[in-house]
C-alpha atoms as a PDB file:
ATOM      1  CA  MET A   1     132.010  97.748  99.021  1.00  0.00           C
ATOM      2  CA  LYS A   2     132.491  94.458  97.677  1.00  0.00           C
ATOM      3  CA  ALA A   3     135.336  91.851  98.075  1.00  0.00           C
ATOM      4  CA  CYS A   4     136.423  88.227  97.897  1.00  0.00           C
ATOM      5  CA  PHE A   5     138.228  87.476 100.453  1.00  0.00           C
ATOM      6  CA  LYS A   6     139.882  84.523  99.422  1.00  0.00           C
ATOM      7  CA  TYR A   7     142.069  81.509 100.982  1.00  0.00           C
ATOM      8  CA  LEU A   8     143.529  78.880  99.026  1.00  0.00           C
ATOM      9  CA  ASP A   9     140.576  77.262  97.352  1.00  0.00           C
ATOM     10  CA  ILE A  10     137.914  79.176 100.266  1.00  0.00           C
ATOM     11  CA  ASN A  11     136.438  82.408  98.150  1.00  0.00           C
ATOM     12  CA  ILE A  12     133.915  84.091 100.605  1.00  0.00           C
ATOM     13  CA  ASN A  13     132.260  86.820  98.688  1.00  0.00           C
ATOM     14  CA  ILE A  14     131.521  89.843 101.162  1.00  0.00           C
ATOM     15  CA  GLU A  15     129.479  93.456 101.043  1.00  0.00           C
ATOM     16  CA  ILE A  16     130.022  95.488 103.413  1.00  0.00           C
ATOM     17  CA  GLN A  17     128.198  99.930 103.092  1.00  0.00           C
ATOM     18  CA  ASP A  18     130.350 100.767 106.050  1.00  0.00           C
ATOM     19  CA  PRO A  19     133.770 101.821 105.009  1.00  0.00           C
ATOM     20  CA  GLU A  20     135.863 102.098 108.223  1.00  0.00           C
ATOM     21  CA  LEU A  21     134.392  98.555 108.915  1.00  0.00           C
ATOM     22  CA  PHE A  22     134.994  97.126 105.806  1.00  0.00           C
ATOM     23  CA  ASN A  23     138.787  98.568 106.212  1.00  0.00           C
ATOM     24  CA  GLN A  24     138.924  97.084 109.448  1.00  0.00           C
ATOM     25  CA  LEU A  25     138.345  93.448 108.230  1.00  0.00           C
ATOM     26  CA  ASN A  26     140.943  94.044 105.271  1.00  0.00           C
ATOM     27  CA  PHE A  27     143.785  95.220 107.912  1.00  0.00           C
ATOM     28  CA  PHE A  28     142.777  92.109 110.178  1.00  0.00           C
ATOM     29  CA  PHE A  29     142.870  89.467 106.995  1.00  0.00           C
ATOM     30  CA  CYS A  30     145.590  91.283 104.676  1.00  0.00           C
ATOM     31  CA  HIS A  31     148.647  89.137 105.458  1.00  0.00           C
ATOM     32  CA  SER A  32     146.590  85.839 105.572  1.00  0.00           C
ATOM     33  CA  PHE A  33     143.933  86.101 103.031  1.00  0.00           C
ATOM     34  CA  SER A  34     143.708  87.323  99.216  1.00  0.00           C
ATOM     35  CA  ILE A  35     141.504  90.118  99.394  1.00  0.00           C
ATOM     36  CA  LEU A  36     140.147  90.605  95.590  1.00  0.00           C
ATOM     37  CA  SER A  37     138.417  93.611  94.212  1.00  0.00           C
ATOM     38  CA  GLN A  38     135.952  91.482  92.454  1.00  0.00           C
ATOM     39  CA  TRP A  39     133.654  88.402  93.440  1.00  0.00           C
ATOM     40  CA  SER A  40     133.790  85.523  93.164  1.00  0.00           C
ATOM     41  CA  ASP A  41     131.526  83.691  90.356  1.00  0.00           C
ATOM     42  CA  SER A  42     131.638  80.293  93.167  1.00  0.00           C
ATOM     43  CA  PRO A  43     131.437  81.262  96.491  1.00  0.00           C
ATOM     44  CA  ASP A  44     131.484  79.177  98.950  1.00  0.00           C
ATOM     45  CA  TYR A  45     129.560  81.628 100.951  1.00  0.00           C
ATOM     46  CA  THR A  46     128.523  85.004 100.544  1.00  0.00           C
ATOM     47  CA  ILE A  47     128.439  87.474 103.292  1.00  0.00           C
ATOM     48  CA  LYS A  48     126.293  90.945 103.498  1.00  0.00           C
ATOM     49  CA  VAL A  49     126.409  93.096 106.207  1.00  0.00           C
ATOM     50  CA  GLN A  50     122.838  95.071 106.396  1.00  0.00           C
ATOM     51  CA  PRO A  51     123.030  98.145 108.231  1.00  0.00           C
ATOM     52  CA  SER A  52     119.645  97.742 109.578  1.00  0.00           C
ATOM     53  CA  ASP A  53     117.737  95.705 112.397  1.00  0.00           C
ATOM     54  CA  TYR A  54     116.375  91.983 112.182  1.00  0.00           C
ATOM     55  CA  PRO A  55     112.353  91.858 112.287  1.00  0.00           C
ATOM     56  CA  ARG A  56     111.826  89.615 114.976  1.00  0.00           C
ATOM     57  CA  GLY A  57     108.597  88.218 114.601  1.00  0.00           C
ATOM     58  CA  GLU A  58     109.661  84.910 113.812  1.00  0.00           C
ATOM     59  CA  LEU A  59     111.946  84.442 116.775  1.00  0.00           C
ATOM     60  CA  SER A  60     108.803  84.270 119.408  1.00  0.00           C
ATOM     61  CA  ASN A  61     108.219  80.665 118.031  1.00  0.00           C
ATOM     62  CA  ALA A  62     111.956  79.533 117.062  1.00  0.00           C
ATOM     63  CA  LYS A  63     113.608  76.653 119.047  1.00  0.00           C
ATOM     64  CA  LYS A  64     116.598  79.174 121.576  1.00  0.00           C
ATOM     65  CA  ASP A  65     119.708  78.180 122.377  1.00  0.00           C
ATOM     66  CA  SER A  66     122.806  79.400 124.399  1.00  0.00           C
ATOM     67  CA  VAL A  67     125.463  79.196 122.086  1.00  0.00           C
ATOM     68  CA  PHE A  68     128.722  81.155 121.902  1.00  0.00           C
ATOM     69  CA  ILE A  69     130.466  82.647 118.185  1.00  0.00           C
ATOM     70  CA  ARG A  70     133.870  82.062 120.179  1.00  0.00           C
ATOM     71  CA  LYS A  71     134.472  80.869 123.313  1.00  0.00           C
ATOM     72  CA  SER A  72     137.709  81.992 125.601  1.00  0.00           C
ATOM     73  CA  VAL A  73     139.348  82.366 128.944  1.00  0.00           C
ATOM     74  CA  LYS A  74     139.744  86.003 128.277  1.00  0.00           C
ATOM     75  CA  ASP A  75     136.381  87.893 128.258  1.00  0.00           C
ATOM     76  CA  PHE A  76     137.571  90.237 125.703  1.00  0.00           C
ATOM     77  CA  PHE A  77     137.554  87.627 123.151  1.00  0.00           C
ATOM     78  CA  THR A  78     134.261  85.563 124.372  1.00  0.00           C
ATOM     79  CA  ARG A  79     131.541  85.792 122.206  1.00  0.00           C
ATOM     80  CA  PRO A  80     128.091  84.643 123.897  1.00  0.00           C
ATOM     81  CA  ALA A  81     125.200  84.417 121.510  1.00  0.00           C
ATOM     82  CA  ASP A  82     121.172  83.124 121.688  1.00  0.00           C
ATOM     83  CA  ARG A  83     120.829  80.037 118.500  1.00  0.00           C
ATOM     84  CA  TYR A  84     116.949  80.452 116.845  1.00  0.00           C
ATOM     85  CA  THR A  85     116.190  77.670 114.660  1.00  0.00           C
ATOM     86  CA  CYS A  86     113.965  78.357 112.175  1.00  0.00           C
ATOM     87  CA  PRO A  87     112.704  76.588 109.004  1.00  0.00           C
ATOM     88  CA  GLY A  88     115.312  76.387 106.526  1.00  0.00           C
ATOM     89  CA  LYS A  89     117.531  79.225 108.362  1.00  0.00           C
ATOM     90  CA  GLU A  90     119.190  80.031 111.436  1.00  0.00           C
ATOM     91  CA  ILE A  91     119.128  83.521 113.448  1.00  0.00           C
ATOM     92  CA  ILE A  92     122.507  84.199 115.701  1.00  0.00           C
ATOM     93  CA  HIS A  93     121.825  86.970 117.703  1.00  0.00           C
ATOM     94  CA  SER A  94     125.421  88.614 119.361  1.00  0.00           C
ATOM     95  CA  LEU A  95     124.670  89.187 123.067  1.00  0.00           C
ATOM     96  CA  LYS A  96     127.839  91.604 122.400  1.00  0.00           C
ATOM     97  CA  SER A  97     127.237  93.965 119.442  1.00  0.00           C
ATOM     98  CA  ASN A  98     123.206  93.112 119.418  1.00  0.00           C
ATOM     99  CA  ALA A  99     123.537  91.894 115.271  1.00  0.00           C
ATOM    100  CA  PHE A 100     121.874  89.182 114.239  1.00  0.00           C
ATOM    101  CA  ILE A 101     123.493  86.785 111.443  1.00  0.00           C
ATOM    102  CA  VAL A 102     121.300  84.911 110.099  1.00  0.00           C
ATOM    103  CA  PHE A 103     122.241  81.463 107.503  1.00  0.00           C
ATOM    104  CA  GLU A 104     119.826  80.359 105.008  1.00  0.00           C
ATOM    105  CA  SER A 105     122.702  77.911 103.165  1.00  0.00           C
ATOM    106  CA  GLN A 106     125.406  79.504 101.380  1.00  0.00           C
ATOM    107  CA  CYS A 107     123.846  82.938 102.075  1.00  0.00           C
ATOM    108  CA  ILE A 108     125.003  84.612 104.705  1.00  0.00           C
ATOM    109  CA  ASN A 109     123.146  88.044 105.883  1.00  0.00           C
ATOM    110  CA  VAL A 110     124.114  90.407 109.075  1.00  0.00           C
ATOM    111  CA  PHE A 111     121.899  92.900 110.183  1.00  0.00           C
ATOM    112  CA  SER A 112     122.974  95.091 112.534  1.00  0.00           C
ATOM    113  CA  MET A 113     122.308  98.820 113.279  1.00  0.00           C
ATOM    114  CA  THR A 114     125.740  99.969 114.470  1.00  0.00           C
ATOM    115  CA  SER A 115     129.252  98.711 113.303  1.00  0.00           C
ATOM    116  CA  GLU A 116     129.844  99.062 117.239  1.00  0.00           C
ATOM    117  CA  ASP A 117     131.440  96.857 118.262  1.00  0.00           C
ATOM    118  CA  LEU A 118     130.249  94.260 114.560  1.00  0.00           C
ATOM    119  CA  LEU A 119     134.216  93.681 113.911  1.00  0.00           C
ATOM    120  CA  MET A 120     134.643  90.337 116.001  1.00  0.00           C
ATOM    121  CA  ASP A 121     131.970  88.672 115.364  1.00  0.00           C
ATOM    122  CA  ILE A 122     132.752  89.130 111.311  1.00  0.00           C
ATOM    123  CA  VAL A 123     136.421  88.101 111.867  1.00  0.00           C
ATOM    124  CA  GLU A 124     134.796  85.278 113.732  1.00  0.00           C
ATOM    125  CA  LEU A 125     131.855  84.263 111.113  1.00  0.00           C
ATOM    126  CA  ILE A 126     134.905  84.969 108.726  1.00  0.00           C
ATOM    127  CA  ARG A 127     137.416  81.979 110.140  1.00  0.00           C
ATOM    128  CA  ASP A 128     134.446  79.607 111.509  1.00  0.00           C
ATOM    129  CA  LEU A 129     133.388  79.383 107.359  1.00  0.00           C
ATOM    130  CA  VAL A 130     137.023  79.409 106.059  1.00  0.00           C
ATOM    131  CA  PHE A 131     138.109  76.775 109.790  1.00  0.00           C
ATOM    132  CA  LYS A 132     135.420  74.877 108.783  1.00  0.00           C
ATOM    133  CA  GLN A 133     135.983  74.444 104.687  1.00  0.00           C
ATOM    134  CA  THR A 134     139.327  73.714 104.651  1.00  0.00           C
ATOM    135  CA  LYS A 135     138.649  70.201 106.403  1.00  0.00           C
ATOM    136  CA  VAL A 136     136.061  69.488 103.921  1.00  0.00           C
ATOM    137  CA  LYS A 137     138.257  70.307 101.493  1.00  0.00           C
ATOM    138  CA  GLY A 138     140.916  67.658 103.009  1.00  0.00           C
ATOM    139  CA  ILE A 139     143.478  70.606 104.702  1.00  0.00           C
ATOM    140  CA  LEU A 140     144.801  69.897 108.081  1.00  0.00           C
ATOM    141  CA  ALA A 141     144.934  72.069 110.522  1.00  0.00           C
ATOM    142  CA  LEU A 142     148.018  71.595 113.710  1.00  0.00           C
ATOM    143  CA  HIS A 143     148.335  73.622 116.568  1.00  0.00           C
ATOM    144  CA  SER A 144     151.465  75.423 115.547  1.00  0.00           C
ATOM    145  CA  THR A 145     153.381  78.518 115.000  1.00  0.00           C
ATOM    146  CA  VAL A 146     154.920  78.816 111.578  1.00  0.00           C
ATOM    147  CA  VAL A 147     158.140  81.111 110.731  1.00  0.00           C
ATOM    148  CA  GLU A 148     159.587  81.938 107.760  1.00  0.00           C
ATOM    149  CA  LYS A 149     163.263  82.465 106.257  1.00  0.00           C
ATOM    150  CA  ASP A 150     164.450  82.489 102.731  1.00  0.00           C
ATOM    151  CA  GLY A 151     161.134  81.745 101.445  1.00  0.00           C
ATOM    152  CA  GLU A 152     160.826  78.446 103.586  1.00  0.00           C
ATOM    153  CA  ALA A 153     158.662  77.685 106.884  1.00  0.00           C
ATOM    154  CA  ILE A 154     159.290  76.678 109.856  1.00  0.00           C
ATOM    155  CA  LEU A 155     156.540  74.877 111.792  1.00  0.00           C
ATOM    156  CA  VAL A 156     156.787  75.236 115.514  1.00  0.00           C
ATOM    157  CA  ILE A 157     153.953  72.762 116.785  1.00  0.00           C
ATOM    158  CA  GLY A 158     152.672  72.076 120.705  1.00  0.00           C
ATOM    159  CA  LYS A 159     149.664  72.017 122.853  1.00  0.00           C
ATOM    160  CA  LYS A 160     148.846  75.388 125.326  1.00  0.00           C
ATOM    161  CA  GLY A 161     152.049  76.303 126.922  1.00  0.00           C
ATOM    162  CA  ALA A 162     154.682  74.333 125.468  1.00  0.00           C
ATOM    163  CA  GLY A 163     156.266  77.441 124.431  1.00  0.00           C
ATOM    164  CA  LYS A 164     155.286  77.755 120.939  1.00  0.00           C
ATOM    165  CA  SER A 165     155.432  81.918 120.800  1.00  0.00           C
ATOM    166  CA  THR A 166     158.177  82.027 123.141  1.00  0.00           C
ATOM    167  CA  THR A 167     160.745  79.892 120.917  1.00  0.00           C
ATOM    168  CA  ALA A 168     159.482  81.639 117.649  1.00  0.00           C
ATOM    169  CA  LEU A 169     159.619  84.865 118.624  1.00  0.00           C
ATOM    170  CA  ASP A 170     163.093  84.561 119.588  1.00  0.00           C
ATOM    171  CA  MET A 171     163.513  82.805 116.182  1.00  0.00           C
ATOM    172  CA  VAL A 172     162.158  86.211 114.862  1.00  0.00           C
ATOM    173  CA  LEU A 173     164.097  88.949 117.127  1.00  0.00           C
ATOM    174  CA  ASN A 174     167.328  87.552 116.931  1.00  0.00           C
ATOM    175  CA  HIS A 175     167.254  85.147 114.156  1.00  0.00           C
ATOM    176  CA  GLY A 176     166.550  86.595 111.391  1.00  0.00           C
ATOM    177  CA  TYR A 177     163.646  84.523 111.064  1.00  0.00           C
ATOM    178  CA  ASN A 178     159.976  86.773 109.545  1.00  0.00           C
ATOM    179  CA  PHE A 179     156.591  85.562 112.046  1.00  0.00           C
ATOM    180  CA  VAL A 180     154.271  83.838 109.750  1.00  0.00           C
ATOM    181  CA  SER A 181     151.275  82.404 111.619  1.00  0.00           C
ATOM    182  CA  GLY A 182     150.937  82.412 115.608  1.00  0.00           C
ATOM    183  CA  ASP A 183     147.946  80.492 116.496  1.00  0.00           C
ATOM    184  CA  LYS A 184     147.267  77.347 113.408  1.00  0.00           C
ATOM    185  CA  ALA A 185     148.928  76.041 110.631  1.00  0.00           C
ATOM    186  CA  PHE A 186     147.384  74.916 107.334  1.00  0.00           C
ATOM    187  CA  ILE A 187     149.082  72.243 105.582  1.00  0.00           C
ATOM    188  CA  LYS A 188     147.800  71.435 101.906  1.00  0.00           C
ATOM    189  CA  PHE A 189     148.804  68.259  99.734  1.00  0.00           C
ATOM    190  CA  ALA A 190     148.741  68.619  96.458  1.00  0.00           C
ATOM    191  CA  ASN A 191     150.500  67.910  93.403  1.00  0.00           C
ATOM    192  CA  ASN A 192     152.836  65.118  96.105  1.00  0.00           C
ATOM    193  CA  ASN A 193     153.815  68.582  97.819  1.00  0.00           C
ATOM    194  CA  LEU A 194     153.561  69.969 101.184  1.00  0.00           C
ATOM    195  CA  SER A 195     152.819  73.275 102.020  1.00  0.00           C
ATOM    196  CA  VAL A 196     151.663  75.865 104.877  1.00  0.00           C
ATOM    197  CA  SER A 197     149.598  78.614 104.607  1.00  0.00           C
ATOM    198  CA  GLY A 198     149.411  81.210 108.000  1.00  0.00           C
ATOM    199  CA  TRP A 199     146.201  82.287 109.774  1.00  0.00           C
ATOM    200  CA  PRO A 200     144.700  85.434 111.176  1.00  0.00           C
ATOM    201  CA  ASP A 201     144.025  85.917 114.917  1.00  0.00           C
ATOM    202  CA  TYR A 202     144.353  88.368 117.090  1.00  0.00           C
ATOM    203  CA  PRO A 203     147.531  88.233 118.866  1.00  0.00           C
ATOM    204  CA  HIS A 204     147.540  87.288 122.103  1.00  0.00           C
ATOM    205  CA  LEU A 205     151.041  86.214 124.256  1.00  0.00           C
ATOM    206  CA  GLY A 206     151.943  84.240 127.446  1.00  0.00           C
ATOM    207  CA  ILE A 207     153.821  86.994 130.560  1.00  0.00           C
ATOM    208  CA  GLY A 208     156.352  83.770 130.163  1.00  0.00           C
ATOM    209  CA  THR A 209     156.955  84.831 126.797  1.00  0.00           C
ATOM    210  CA  PHE A 210     158.134  88.072 127.052  1.00  0.00           C
ATOM    211  CA  TYR A 211     160.578  86.944 130.272  1.00  0.00           C
ATOM    212  CA  GLY A 212     161.842  83.916 127.752  1.00  0.00           C
ATOM    213  CA  VAL A 213     162.322  86.811 124.340  1.00  0.00           C
ATOM    214  CA  GLU A 214     164.894  89.082 124.421  1.00  0.00           C
ATOM    215  CA  LYS A 215     164.050  92.468 123.101  1.00  0.00           C
ATOM    216  CA  LEU A 216     160.423  91.400 123.009  1.00  0.00           C
ATOM    217  CA  SER A 217     158.917  93.914 125.467  1.00  0.00           C
ATOM    218  CA  GLU A 218     160.587  96.944 124.225  1.00  0.00           C
ATOM    219  CA  LYS A 219     159.139  96.241 120.327  1.00  0.00           C
ATOM    220  CA  LEU A 220     155.688  96.148 121.592  1.00  0.00           C
ATOM    221  CA  GLU A 221     156.233  98.945 124.384  1.00  0.00           C
ATOM    222  CA  PHE A 222     154.959  96.505 126.848  1.00  0.00           C
ATOM    223  CA  ASP A 223     155.230  96.717 130.400  1.00  0.00           C
ATOM    224  CA  HIS A 224     155.298  92.639 131.533  1.00  0.00           C
ATOM    225  CA  THR A 225     156.015  93.435 134.932  1.00  0.00           C
ATOM    226  CA  GLN A 226     152.629  94.500 135.864  1.00  0.00           C
ATOM    227  CA  PHE A 227     151.383  90.845 135.368  1.00  0.00           C
ATOM    228  CA  THR A 228     152.854  88.377 138.285  1.00  0.00           C
ATOM    229  CA  ASP A 229     151.272  84.844 137.118  1.00  0.00           C
ATOM    230  CA  PRO A 230     153.775  84.465 134.130  1.00  0.00           C
ATOM    231  CA  ASN A 231     150.967  81.723 132.223  1.00  0.00           C
ATOM    232  CA  GLU A 232     148.406  85.354 131.947  1.00  0.00           C
ATOM    233  CA  LYS A 233     147.586  85.280 128.746  1.00  0.00           C
ATOM    234  CA  VAL A 234     147.364  89.845 127.421  1.00  0.00           C
ATOM    235  CA  ALA A 235     145.747  90.766 124.094  1.00  0.00           C
ATOM    236  CA  LEU A 236     147.880  93.100 122.005  1.00  0.00           C
ATOM    237  CA  SER A 237     146.759  95.476 119.213  1.00  0.00           C
ATOM    238  CA  PRO A 238     147.303  93.866 115.937  1.00  0.00           C
ATOM    239  CA  ALA A 239     148.170  96.951 114.803  1.00  0.00           C
ATOM    240  CA  ILE A 240     151.570  97.304 116.516  1.00  0.00           C
ATOM    241  CA  PHE A 241     152.057  93.589 116.473  1.00  0.00           C
ATOM    242  CA  ARG A 242     152.470  93.803 112.347  1.00  0.00           C
ATOM    243  CA  THR A 243     154.357  96.628 112.117  1.00  0.00           C
ATOM    244  CA  ARG A 244     156.414  96.017 115.062  1.00  0.00           C
ATOM    245  CA  ILE A 245     157.804  92.271 114.643  1.00  0.00           C
ATOM    246  CA  PRO A 246     159.040  91.274 111.127  1.00  0.00           C
ATOM    247  CA  HIS A 247     156.733  89.058 109.315  1.00  0.00           C
ATOM    248  CA  SER A 248     157.348  87.227 106.028  1.00  0.00           C
ATOM    249  CA  LYS A 249     156.146  89.225 102.651  1.00  0.00           C
ATOM    250  CA  GLN A 250     154.161  85.514 101.965  1.00  0.00           C
ATOM    251  CA  SER A 251     151.830  83.398 104.483  1.00  0.00           C
ATOM    252  CA  SER A 252     150.597  81.153 101.754  1.00  0.00           C
ATOM    253  CA  GLU A 253     151.153  77.753 100.288  1.00  0.00           C
ATOM    254  CA  LEU A 254     154.722  78.344 101.901  1.00  0.00           C
ATOM    255  CA  PRO A 255     157.063  74.934 101.545  1.00  0.00           C
ATOM    256  CA  ILE A 256     158.022  73.297 104.946  1.00  0.00           C
ATOM    257  CA  LYS A 257     161.893  73.001 106.004  1.00  0.00           C
ATOM    258  CA  CYS A 258     161.513  71.543 109.114  1.00  0.00           C
ATOM    259  CA  ILE A 259     159.442  71.326 112.393  1.00  0.00           C
ATOM    260  CA  LEU A 260     160.377  71.853 116.137  1.00  0.00           C
ATOM    261  CA  PHE A 261     158.352  70.918 119.120  1.00  0.00           C
ATOM    262  CA  PRO A 262     159.770  72.824 122.034  1.00  0.00           C
ATOM    263  CA  ASN A 263     159.494  72.723 125.573  1.00  0.00           C
ATOM    264  CA  VAL A 264     159.964  76.257 127.720  1.00  0.00           C
ATOM    265  CA  GLN A 265     159.221  74.008 130.679  1.00  0.00           C
ATOM    266  CA  LYS A 266     162.742  72.134 130.681  1.00  0.00           C
ATOM    267  CA  LYS A 267     165.297  74.465 131.780  1.00  0.00           C
ATOM    268  CA  HIS A 268     167.914  72.385 131.035  1.00  0.00           C
ATOM    269  CA  ILE A 269     168.838  73.356 127.495  1.00  0.00           C
ATOM    270  CA  THR A 270     168.582  69.850 124.402  1.00  0.00           C
ATOM    271  CA  SER A 271     168.085  69.328 121.255  1.00  0.00           C
ATOM    272  CA  GLN A 272     167.092  66.146 120.114  1.00  0.00           C
ATOM    273  CA  ARG A 273     166.259  64.759 116.323  1.00  0.00           C
ATOM    274  CA  LEU A 274     162.951  62.971 116.575  1.00  0.00           C
ATOM    275  CA  GLU A 275     163.020  59.636 113.931  1.00  0.00           C
ATOM    276  CA  ASN A 276     159.049  59.282 114.718  1.00  0.00           C
ATOM    277  CA  THR A 277     156.852  62.450 114.578  1.00  0.00           C
ATOM    278  CA  LYS A 278     153.638  60.829 114.160  1.00  0.00           C
ATOM    279  CA  LYS A 279     152.202  60.323 117.703  1.00  0.00           C
ATOM    280  CA  HIS A 280     152.933  64.615 118.094  1.00  0.00           C
ATOM    281  CA  LEU A 281     151.374  65.216 115.165  1.00  0.00           C
ATOM    282  CA  HIS A 282     148.263  63.739 115.999  1.00  0.00           C
ATOM    283  CA  GLU A 283     148.488  64.766 119.346  1.00  0.00           C
ATOM    284  CA  ASN A 284     147.908  68.788 117.972  1.00  0.00           C
ATOM    285  CA  ILE A 285     145.361  68.484 115.509  1.00  0.00           C
ATOM    286  CA  GLU A 286     143.140  71.217 115.260  1.00  0.00           C
ATOM    287  CA  GLU A 287     139.649  70.354 114.879  1.00  0.00           C
ATOM    288  CA  PRO A 288     136.908  72.694 113.205  1.00  0.00           C
ATOM    289  CA  PHE A 289     134.406  70.644 114.211  1.00  0.00           C
ATOM    290  CA  LYS A 290     134.663  70.175 118.151  1.00  0.00           C
ATOM    291  CA  GLY A 291     132.575  71.724 121.354  1.00  0.00           C
ATOM    292  CA  THR A 292     131.625  75.575 121.344  1.00  0.00           C
ATOM    293  CA  LYS A 293     132.600  75.609 117.768  1.00  0.00           C
ATOM    294  CA  ASP A 294     129.244  74.339 116.793  1.00  0.00           C
ATOM    295  CA  TRP A 295     127.626  77.392 116.952  1.00  0.00           C
ATOM    296  CA  HIS A 296     125.338  76.884 113.418  1.00  0.00           C
ATOM    297  CA  HIS A 297     125.074  73.913 111.009  1.00  0.00           C
ATOM    298  CA  THR A 298     125.712  75.234 107.618  1.00  0.00           C
ATOM    299  CA  ILE A 299     128.858  73.384 107.012  1.00  0.00           C
ATOM    300  CA  THR A 300     128.179  69.635 107.654  1.00  0.00           C
ATOM    301  CA  PRO A 301     131.112  67.625 109.375  1.00  0.00           C
ATOM    302  CA  THR A 302     133.392  65.768 106.986  1.00  0.00           C
ATOM    303  CA  LYS A 303     135.549  62.647 108.073  1.00  0.00           C
ATOM    304  CA  ASN A 304     139.123  63.110 106.529  1.00  0.00           C
ATOM    305  CA  ASN A 305     142.109  61.403 108.223  1.00  0.00           C
ATOM    306  CA  PHE A 306     144.473  63.220 106.714  1.00  0.00           C
ATOM    307  CA  GLU A 307     146.991  60.053 106.067  1.00  0.00           C
ATOM    308  CA  LEU A 308     148.728  61.666 102.912  1.00  0.00           C
ATOM    309  CA  ILE A 309     149.361  64.765 104.547  1.00  0.00           C
ATOM    310  CA  PHE A 310     150.826  62.775 107.934  1.00  0.00           C
ATOM    311  CA  GLU A 311     153.047  60.770 105.897  1.00  0.00           C
ATOM    312  CA  ALA A 312     154.564  63.587 103.856  1.00  0.00           C
ATOM    313  CA  LEU A 313     155.321  65.310 106.960  1.00  0.00           C
ATOM    314  CA  GLU A 314     156.674  62.705 108.955  1.00  0.00           C
ATOM    315  CA  LYS A 315     159.686  62.353 106.409  1.00  0.00           C
ATOM    316  CA  TYR A 316     160.900  66.088 107.345  1.00  0.00           C
ATOM    317  CA  PRO A 317     163.618  66.767 109.962  1.00  0.00           C
ATOM    318  CA  ALA A 318     161.940  67.557 113.207  1.00  0.00           C
ATOM    319  CA  TYR A 319     163.379  68.144 116.682  1.00  0.00           C
ATOM    320  CA  GLN A 320     162.442  68.097 120.222  1.00  0.00           C
ATOM    321  CA  VAL A 321     163.452  71.200 121.755  1.00  0.00           C
ATOM    322  CA  SER A 322     163.916  72.888 125.362  1.00  0.00           C
ATOM    323  CA  GLY A 323     164.483  76.106 126.916  1.00  0.00           C
ATOM    324  CA  THR A 324     163.777  79.124 126.421  1.00  0.00           C
ATOM    325  CA  ASN A 325     167.296  80.469 124.902  1.00  0.00           C
ATOM    326  CA  VAL A 326     167.058  79.103 121.345  1.00  0.00           C
ATOM    327  CA  SER A 327     170.639  80.375 120.481  1.00  0.00           C
ATOM    328  CA  GLN A 328     171.620  77.219 121.590  1.00  0.00           C
ATOM    329  CA  TYR A 329     170.153  75.124 119.348  1.00  0.00           C
ATOM    330  CA  ILE A 330     169.168  77.172 116.220  1.00  0.00           C
ATOM    331  CA  GLY A 331     172.862  76.396 114.825  1.00  0.00           C
ATOM    332  CA  ASP A 332     171.154  72.402 114.303  1.00  0.00           C
ATOM    333  CA  ILE A 333     168.139  73.892 112.191  1.00  0.00           C
ATOM    334  CA  ASN A 334     170.652  76.802 110.373  1.00  0.00           C
ATOM    335  CA  GLU A 335     172.271  72.964 108.952  1.00  0.00           C
ATOM    336  CA  LEU A 336     169.407  72.623 107.013  1.00  0.00           C
ATOM    337  CA  TYR A 337     169.718  75.760 105.023  1.00  0.00           C
END
């Protein structure tokens, strides 16, 4: 089965023989990506999944490093691997799925005798390629949740624990907004206009979010009371999250309405208009070439200060909000519509 997975200006051609694996990939990406039945004539990358083992003879003389396809505080998401550097290519051996991912310029072959546990490796491969390519093409990534109403997006920006998910899901479940993205927002500047696009991810929420958002446990049929630490994160089924949480019909290149910077740790409920957001925005840049993300070298890191994007973002209405009860300040936001 062949398809082009398109995200903004980035095209990934994919060929997979296993229809079940292809359908799982399609479901994961289809809310944020366009899945085209025809391959692109000028793809950024081509991925072919081969139902065979990789010949390992050349690995004995290759340089070997320990890397992570993805590293997370949760074992469920962590994908340790060995990286072999050979002339003209890099070979990644996933220690969870036992697959071999072979990088040769823009062509990437994935060798696996079984599809068991392979899905997450391919998901992370596609996400990593696209994430890095966004920076190459001048698209800014922010640590942000995104919601939408009447075709316009609100960015909910903040560091881990600030309350992005709590704020966004309260707006979705109790105030008529639609969910777009849970962890990242990609900002594109074109024709003197800004737009935001959502990002595919495995939904994972802090237990504190379930306490802070009325109806959430009921909607997801999840008993959060079995956990004692409000800061603990739990992974949720993408299918359940997608079907039970109202999602925006459009998740790509939405116009931006305003920006929220939440702080749910403060119990006192406030809403304050921010006149200068430069520092807050710069603190929440997502860097695709940093740390453990450097598990292969297919894409050369580039420098981009995104000054035009930041100058445009700073002109949007922005609020610093605190407390978990969005109802207390949603009026300020709704007045913008």
